[in-house]
C-alpha atoms as a PDB file:
ATOM      1  CA  UNK A   1     122.205  93.256  10.187  1.00  0.00           C
ATOM      2  CA  UNK A   2     121.127  93.460  13.281  1.00  0.00           C
ATOM      3  CA  UNK A   3     117.989  92.056  14.697  1.00  0.00           C
ATOM      4  CA  UNK A   4     116.222  93.202  17.739  1.00  0.00           C
ATOM      5  CA  UNK A   5     114.682  90.549  20.094  1.00  0.00           C
ATOM      6  CA  UNK A   6     112.201  91.502  23.037  1.00  0.00           C
ATOM      7  CA  UNK A   7     112.463  88.719  25.491  1.00  0.00           C
ATOM      8  CA  UNK A   8     111.055  88.510  29.364  1.00  0.00           C
ATOM      9  CA  UNK A   9     114.071  86.977  31.014  1.00  0.00           C
ATOM     10  CA  UNK A  10     113.118  87.412  34.787  1.00  0.00           C
ATOM     11  CA  UNK A  11     110.093  85.089  33.581  1.00  0.00           C
ATOM     12  CA  UNK A  12     109.604  81.759  34.053  1.00  0.00           C
ATOM     13  CA  UNK A  13     108.453  80.119  30.399  1.00  0.00           C
ATOM     14  CA  UNK A  14     105.973  77.513  31.324  1.00  0.00           C
ATOM     15  CA  UNK A  15     104.115  79.738  33.731  1.00  0.00           C
ATOM     16  CA  UNK A  16     104.672  84.132  33.012  1.00  0.00           C
ATOM     17  CA  UNK A  17     103.166  84.666  35.975  1.00  0.00           C
ATOM     18  CA  UNK A  18     106.092  83.461  38.681  1.00  0.00           C
ATOM     19  CA  UNK A  19     108.788  85.769  39.132  1.00  0.00           C
ATOM     20  CA  UNK A  20     112.298  84.918  39.195  1.00  0.00           C
ATOM     21  CA  UNK A  21     115.461  86.653  40.427  1.00  0.00           C
ATOM     22  CA  UNK A  22     118.569  86.475  39.539  1.00  0.00           C
ATOM     23  CA  UNK A  23     121.577  88.066  40.723  1.00  0.00           C
ATOM     24  CA  UNK A  24     121.625  91.340  39.290  1.00  0.00           C
ATOM     25  CA  UNK A  25     117.950  91.459  41.028  1.00  0.00           C
ATOM     26  CA  UNK A  26     119.353  90.313  44.515  1.00  0.00           C
ATOM     27  CA  UNK A  27     122.092  93.052  44.437  1.00  0.00           C
ATOM     28  CA  UNK A  28     119.859  95.734  43.679  1.00  0.00           C
ATOM     29  CA  UNK A  29     117.815  94.860  46.522  1.00  0.00           C
ATOM     30  CA  UNK A  30     120.491  94.354  48.759  1.00  0.00           C
ATOM     31  CA  UNK A  31     121.810  98.057  47.442  1.00  0.00           C
ATOM     32  CA  UNK A  32     118.357  99.200  48.270  1.00  0.00           C
ATOM     33  CA  UNK A  33     118.027  97.586  51.595  1.00  0.00           C
ATOM     34  CA  UNK A  34     121.449  99.136  52.461  1.00  0.00           C
ATOM     35  CA  UNK A  35     120.228 103.057  51.306  1.00  0.00           C
ATOM     36  CA  UNK A  36     116.659 102.558  53.037  1.00  0.00           C
ATOM     37  CA  UNK A  37     116.271  99.985  54.983  1.00  0.00           C
ATOM     38  CA  UNK A  38     112.327  99.612  54.985  1.00  0.00           C
ATOM     39  CA  UNK A  39     112.426  98.219  52.395  1.00  0.00           C
ATOM     40  CA  UNK A  40     114.867  94.912  52.855  1.00  0.00           C
ATOM     41  CA  UNK A  41     112.295  94.703  55.574  1.00  0.00           C
ATOM     42  CA  UNK A  42     108.626  94.529  53.420  1.00  0.00           C
ATOM     43  CA  UNK A  43     110.503  92.974  50.328  1.00  0.00           C
ATOM     44  CA  UNK A  44     112.082  90.415  52.948  1.00  0.00           C
ATOM     45  CA  UNK A  45     109.135  89.745  54.827  1.00  0.00           C
ATOM     46  CA  UNK A  46     106.830  89.135  51.680  1.00  0.00           C
ATOM     47  CA  UNK A  47     109.525  86.761  49.943  1.00  0.00           C
ATOM     48  CA  UNK A  48     109.612  84.619  53.636  1.00  0.00           C
ATOM     49  CA  UNK A  49     106.416  83.589  52.893  1.00  0.00           C
ATOM     50  CA  UNK A  50     107.302  81.999  49.362  1.00  0.00           C
ATOM     51  CA  UNK A  51     107.089  78.542  48.470  1.00  0.00           C
ATOM     52  CA  UNK A  52     110.633  78.325  46.707  1.00  0.00           C
ATOM     53  CA  UNK A  53     113.718  77.679  49.067  1.00  0.00           C
ATOM     54  CA  UNK A  54     116.088  79.922  47.167  1.00  0.00           C
ATOM     55  CA  UNK A  55     113.245  83.087  48.048  1.00  0.00           C
ATOM     56  CA  UNK A  56     112.944  82.133  51.580  1.00  0.00           C
ATOM     57  CA  UNK A  57     116.604  82.622  51.799  1.00  0.00           C
ATOM     58  CA  UNK A  58     116.780  85.983  50.167  1.00  0.00           C
ATOM     59  CA  UNK A  59     114.098  86.730  51.902  1.00  0.00           C
ATOM     60  CA  UNK A  60     115.800  85.828  55.278  1.00  0.00           C
ATOM     61  CA  UNK A  61     118.846  87.395  54.479  1.00  0.00           C
ATOM     62  CA  UNK A  62     116.841  91.000  53.394  1.00  0.00           C
ATOM     63  CA  UNK A  63     114.970  90.780  56.740  1.00  0.00           C
ATOM     64  CA  UNK A  64     118.464  90.365  59.002  1.00  0.00           C
ATOM     65  CA  UNK A  65     119.958  93.579  56.873  1.00  0.00           C
ATOM     66  CA  UNK A  66     117.029  95.488  57.261  1.00  0.00           C
ATOM     67  CA  UNK A  67     116.897  94.762  61.270  1.00  0.00           C
ATOM     68  CA  UNK A  68     120.831  95.078  61.551  1.00  0.00           C
ATOM     69  CA  UNK A  69     120.766  98.401  59.801  1.00  0.00           C
ATOM     70  CA  UNK A  70     117.714  99.757  61.032  1.00  0.00           C
ATOM     71  CA  UNK A  71     119.289  99.197  64.639  1.00  0.00           C
ATOM     72  CA  UNK A  72     122.533 100.622  63.770  1.00  0.00           C
ATOM     73  CA  UNK A  73     121.192 103.227  62.163  1.00  0.00           C
ATOM     74  CA  UNK A  74     118.452 104.341  64.952  1.00  0.00           C
ATOM     75  CA  UNK A  75     121.911 103.868  67.443  1.00  0.00           C
ATOM     76  CA  UNK A  76     124.302 106.036  65.572  1.00  0.00           C
ATOM     77  CA  UNK A  77     121.484 108.473  65.485  1.00  0.00           C
ATOM     78  CA  UNK A  78     120.797 108.466  69.577  1.00  0.00           C
ATOM     79  CA  UNK A  79     124.737 108.538  70.193  1.00  0.00           C
ATOM     80  CA  UNK A  80     124.904 111.234  67.817  1.00  0.00           C
ATOM     81  CA  UNK A  81     122.314 112.946  69.378  1.00  0.00           C
ATOM     82  CA  UNK A  82     123.302 112.740  72.930  1.00  0.00           C
ATOM     83  CA  UNK A  83     126.908 113.902  73.067  1.00  0.00           C
END
């Protein structure tokens, strides 16, 4: 017989209010930043102020990716506008 088990894999068992990201969550944040760079800027800025080292690293990566893509998109827009 198949048994359905409902768990919360992204929360800490000792403190359910602490949210942990796994590789899939980080990947989805990177993809959302590639599509919409301000999302990476906001989420990365919030993650930079975390006490956990891995969240700070992820936040720094999202911030840099968001800034780079914003500059790239604005640059491509103005190049296309003036050519």
